[in-house]
Amino acid sequence: MRLALAVFALVSLTQASIDVIVQSSPSSLVSARTFPIGLESTTIEIVPRGERLYDAAFAWTSQYGYVALHAHNVILDGINEAGLSAALLDWGTSIPVPAGADGRPVITALVPFVLSNFGSLDDVQAGLAHVRLRPMAQHAWRLTVHDSKGHSLILNATNHVLDAPRVVQAVDDAKTTQSLRQHDATRLVR
């Protein structure tokens, strides 16, 4: 436990968003994250199951209710009634915005889309094959998703899904992929 607290204290000093999971007992996980941006105007948003949600030219009805943190006009973090949590982590760098269209709707509201539609990581991976992800223009981002069984996955802006049972995010992709199984997911993120 001391090691986990030391890791959390160290990553709290970085300027990038960090997501950490600590197993506090065999049946209990704690997920924590850092926010490198000021969150003075953060609000809590509660969305019930069955709510109609909109994202640019795409709309859907929430299959799961959720509670989320809303700051700077973006939902950054939340958990749904199935125990699925999602956090959008900004790395403070820029990437090119993917061009072209392939007929799938483009989703920019990643956290609300994941929390309102999916109850497990299998659902997330299957469902994201039907949409294109394009959050926050040219920011480099990671979307971490954790389910109630303690499984995790990481979606990133460079077309990869990292399947991660226990993860401490690293700023460098090479460091992250050394200990995680990497999947080619170009069909998921364009």
Protein backbone atom coordinates (compact mmCIF):
# COMPACT_ATOMS: atom_id res chain seq x y z
CA MET A 1 0.00 0.00 0.00
CA ARG A 2 2.88 2.37 0.74
CA LEU A 3 4.28 1.78 -2.74
CA ALA A 4 0.90 2.61 -4.28
CA LEU A 5 0.69 5.85 -2.30
CA ALA A 6 4.25 6.77 -3.27
CA VAL A 7 3.49 6.15 -6.96
CA PHE A 8 0.35 8.26 -6.71
CA ALA A 9 2.24 11.08 -4.98
CA LEU A 10 4.93 11.08 -7.67
CA VAL A 11 2.54 11.05 -10.63
CA SER A 12 0.54 13.85 -9.04
CA LEU A 13 3.48 16.14 -9.76
CA THR A 14 3.38 15.62 -13.54
CA GLN A 15 1.71 17.90 -16.09
CA ALA A 16 0.03 14.98 -17.87
CA SER A 17 -3.11 13.17 -16.76
CA ILE A 18 -2.35 9.90 -15.01
CA ASP A 19 -4.71 7.02 -14.20
CA VAL A 20 -3.78 4.56 -11.43
CA ILE A 21 -5.56 1.44 -10.17
CA VAL A 22 -4.77 0.03 -6.72
CA GLN A 23 -6.13 -3.32 -5.57
CA SER A 24 -6.98 -2.69 -1.93
CA SER A 25 -8.23 -6.24 -1.29
CA PRO A 26 -9.01 -9.30 -3.43
CA SER A 27 -12.51 -7.96 -4.10
CA SER A 28 -11.89 -4.20 -4.09
CA LEU A 29 -10.19 -1.87 -6.59
CA VAL A 30 -9.60 1.85 -6.25
CA SER A 31 -9.16 3.94 -9.38
CA ALA A 32 -7.55 7.37 -9.08
CA ARG A 33 -6.42 9.98 -11.57
CA THR A 34 -4.66 13.30 -11.69
CA PHE A 35 -5.94 16.49 -13.30
CA PRO A 36 -3.13 18.73 -14.57
CA ILE A 37 -5.63 21.48 -15.44
CA GLY A 38 -7.48 23.79 -13.08
CA LEU A 39 -10.88 22.40 -12.20
CA GLU A 40 -12.37 25.39 -10.42
CA SER A 41 -15.61 25.17 -12.38
CA THR A 42 -16.07 21.39 -12.25
CA THR A 43 -19.65 20.17 -11.96
CA ILE A 44 -21.14 16.76 -11.33
CA GLU A 45 -23.48 15.56 -14.05
CA ILE A 46 -26.03 12.81 -13.41
CA VAL A 47 -27.55 11.19 -16.50
CA PRO A 48 -30.36 8.64 -16.06
CA ARG A 49 -30.87 5.52 -18.14
CA GLY A 50 -33.11 6.24 -21.14
CA GLU A 51 -31.88 9.84 -21.60
CA ARG A 52 -31.52 11.09 -25.19
CA LEU A 53 -27.91 12.25 -25.73
CA TYR A 54 -26.43 14.27 -28.59
CA ASP A 55 -22.95 14.67 -30.07
CA ALA A 56 -22.64 16.89 -33.14
CA ALA A 57 -24.68 15.11 -35.84
CA PHE A 58 -25.14 11.87 -33.87
CA ALA A 59 -27.70 11.01 -31.18
CA TRP A 60 -28.37 7.96 -29.01
CA THR A 61 -30.41 6.88 -25.98
CA SER A 62 -28.44 5.96 -22.85
CA GLN A 63 -28.61 2.28 -21.96
CA TYR A 64 -26.94 2.94 -18.60
CA GLY A 65 -27.25 5.80 -16.16
CA TYR A 66 -24.02 7.44 -15.04
CA VAL A 67 -22.40 10.09 -12.84
CA ALA A 68 -19.58 12.16 -14.34
CA LEU A 69 -17.28 15.15 -13.77
CA HIS A 70 -17.84 17.97 -16.26
CA ALA A 71 -15.16 20.67 -16.70
CA HIS A 72 -14.19 23.02 -19.51
CA ASN A 73 -17.23 21.88 -21.56
CA VAL A 74 -16.02 18.27 -21.56
CA ILE A 75 -17.03 15.25 -19.49
CA LEU A 76 -13.64 14.03 -18.26
CA ASP A 77 -14.42 11.17 -15.91
CA GLY A 78 -17.33 9.07 -14.72
CA ILE A 79 -18.83 5.75 -13.70
CA ASN A 80 -22.03 4.04 -14.83
CA GLU A 81 -24.53 1.82 -13.05
CA ALA A 82 -22.81 -1.35 -14.36
CA GLY A 83 -19.57 -0.31 -12.63
CA LEU A 84 -17.82 0.70 -15.86
CA SER A 85 -15.66 3.79 -15.41
CA ALA A 86 -14.03 5.94 -18.08
CA ALA A 87 -11.49 8.76 -17.88
CA LEU A 88 -10.25 11.01 -20.65
CA LEU A 89 -6.56 11.75 -20.10
CA ASP A 90 -4.92 14.63 -21.97
CA TRP A 91 -1.18 14.35 -22.63
CA GLY A 92 -0.64 18.01 -23.45
CA THR A 93 0.76 17.44 -26.93
CA SER A 94 -0.85 17.55 -30.36
CA ILE A 95 -1.49 14.98 -33.07
CA PRO A 96 -2.86 15.23 -36.59
CA VAL A 97 -6.65 15.02 -36.88
CA PRO A 98 -7.66 11.99 -38.98
CA ALA A 99 -9.23 12.92 -42.31
CA GLY A 100 -11.70 11.11 -44.52
CA ALA A 101 -15.04 9.50 -43.96
CA ASP A 102 -16.08 5.87 -43.96
CA GLY A 103 -19.80 6.10 -43.19
CA ARG A 104 -19.56 5.56 -39.42
CA PRO A 105 -20.69 8.37 -37.12
CA VAL A 106 -17.91 10.44 -35.52
CA ILE A 107 -17.99 10.56 -31.71
CA THR A 108 -16.27 13.44 -29.92
CA ALA A 109 -17.98 12.99 -26.51
CA LEU A 110 -16.02 9.85 -25.66
CA VAL A 111 -16.71 9.50 -21.94
CA PRO A 112 -20.50 10.00 -22.18
CA PHE A 113 -20.69 7.69 -25.20
CA VAL A 114 -18.84 4.88 -23.42
CA LEU A 115 -20.59 5.29 -20.05
CA SER A 116 -24.09 5.49 -21.52
CA ASN A 117 -23.76 2.58 -23.97
CA PHE A 118 -21.57 -0.12 -22.47
CA GLY A 119 -21.46 -2.29 -19.35
CA SER A 120 -18.26 -4.27 -19.94
CA LEU A 121 -14.96 -4.02 -21.79
CA ASP A 122 -16.16 -6.57 -24.35
CA ASP A 123 -19.16 -4.31 -25.04
CA VAL A 124 -16.83 -1.29 -25.41
CA GLN A 125 -14.56 -3.02 -27.92
CA ALA A 126 -17.48 -4.39 -29.96
CA GLY A 127 -19.42 -1.11 -29.91
CA LEU A 128 -16.53 1.14 -30.87
CA ALA A 129 -16.11 -0.78 -34.13
CA HIS A 130 -19.29 0.98 -35.32
CA VAL A 131 -18.14 4.57 -34.71
CA ARG A 132 -15.11 6.78 -35.33
CA LEU A 133 -13.51 8.55 -32.39
CA ARG A 134 -12.32 12.12 -32.69
CA PRO A 135 -12.07 13.95 -29.38
CA MET A 136 -11.03 17.53 -28.76
CA ALA A 137 -9.47 18.44 -32.13
CA GLN A 138 -5.73 17.85 -32.12
CA HIS A 139 -5.00 16.96 -28.50
CA ALA A 140 -3.16 13.72 -27.77
CA TRP A 141 -5.46 11.75 -25.49
CA ARG A 142 -5.98 8.43 -23.78
CA LEU A 143 -9.33 7.05 -22.79
CA THR A 144 -8.96 4.57 -19.95
CA VAL A 145 -11.89 2.28 -19.25
CA HIS A 146 -12.18 -0.02 -16.22
CA ASP A 147 -14.98 -2.53 -15.59
CA SER A 148 -16.43 -3.96 -12.39
CA LYS A 149 -14.33 -7.15 -12.78
CA GLY A 150 -11.08 -5.20 -12.55
CA HIS A 151 -10.24 -5.35 -16.26
CA SER A 152 -9.00 -2.28 -18.11
CA LEU A 153 -8.35 -1.06 -21.58
CA ILE A 154 -6.77 2.05 -22.98
CA LEU A 155 -7.78 3.72 -26.23
CA ASN A 156 -5.36 6.25 -27.60
CA ALA A 157 -5.30 8.77 -30.39
CA THR A 158 -2.70 6.88 -32.39
CA ASN A 159 -4.96 3.99 -33.40
CA HIS A 160 -4.14 1.45 -30.72
CA VAL A 161 -6.06 -0.37 -28.02
CA LEU A 162 -3.99 -1.54 -25.09
CA ASP A 163 -5.59 -4.37 -23.11
CA ALA A 164 -4.40 -3.77 -19.57
CA PRO A 165 -5.44 -5.81 -16.53
CA ARG A 166 -3.52 -3.46 -14.20
CA VAL A 167 -2.18 -0.18 -15.51
CA VAL A 168 -0.17 2.77 -14.37
CA GLN A 169 -0.12 5.02 -17.43
CA ALA A 170 3.28 6.05 -18.72
CA VAL A 171 3.83 9.17 -20.77
CA ASP A 172 5.90 7.28 -23.35
CA ASP A 173 3.98 4.73 -25.45
CA ALA A 174 7.09 2.52 -25.62
CA LYS A 175 7.11 2.20 -21.83
CA THR A 176 3.42 1.35 -21.74
CA THR A 177 3.61 -1.28 -24.46
CA GLN A 178 6.54 -3.10 -22.84
CA SER A 179 4.21 -4.57 -20.24
CA LEU A 180 0.90 -4.62 -22.11
CA ARG A 181 -0.43 -6.67 -24.98
CA GLN A 182 -0.99 -4.27 -27.88
CA HIS A 183 -3.73 -4.86 -30.45
CA ASP A 184 -3.92 -3.39 -33.91
CA ALA A 185 -7.24 -1.54 -33.73
CA THR A 186 -7.25 0.64 -36.80
CA ARG A 187 -10.86 -0.36 -37.36
CA LEU A 188 -11.74 1.11 -33.94
CA VAL A 189 -10.02 4.47 -34.09
CA ARG A 190 -9.40 6.40 -37.29
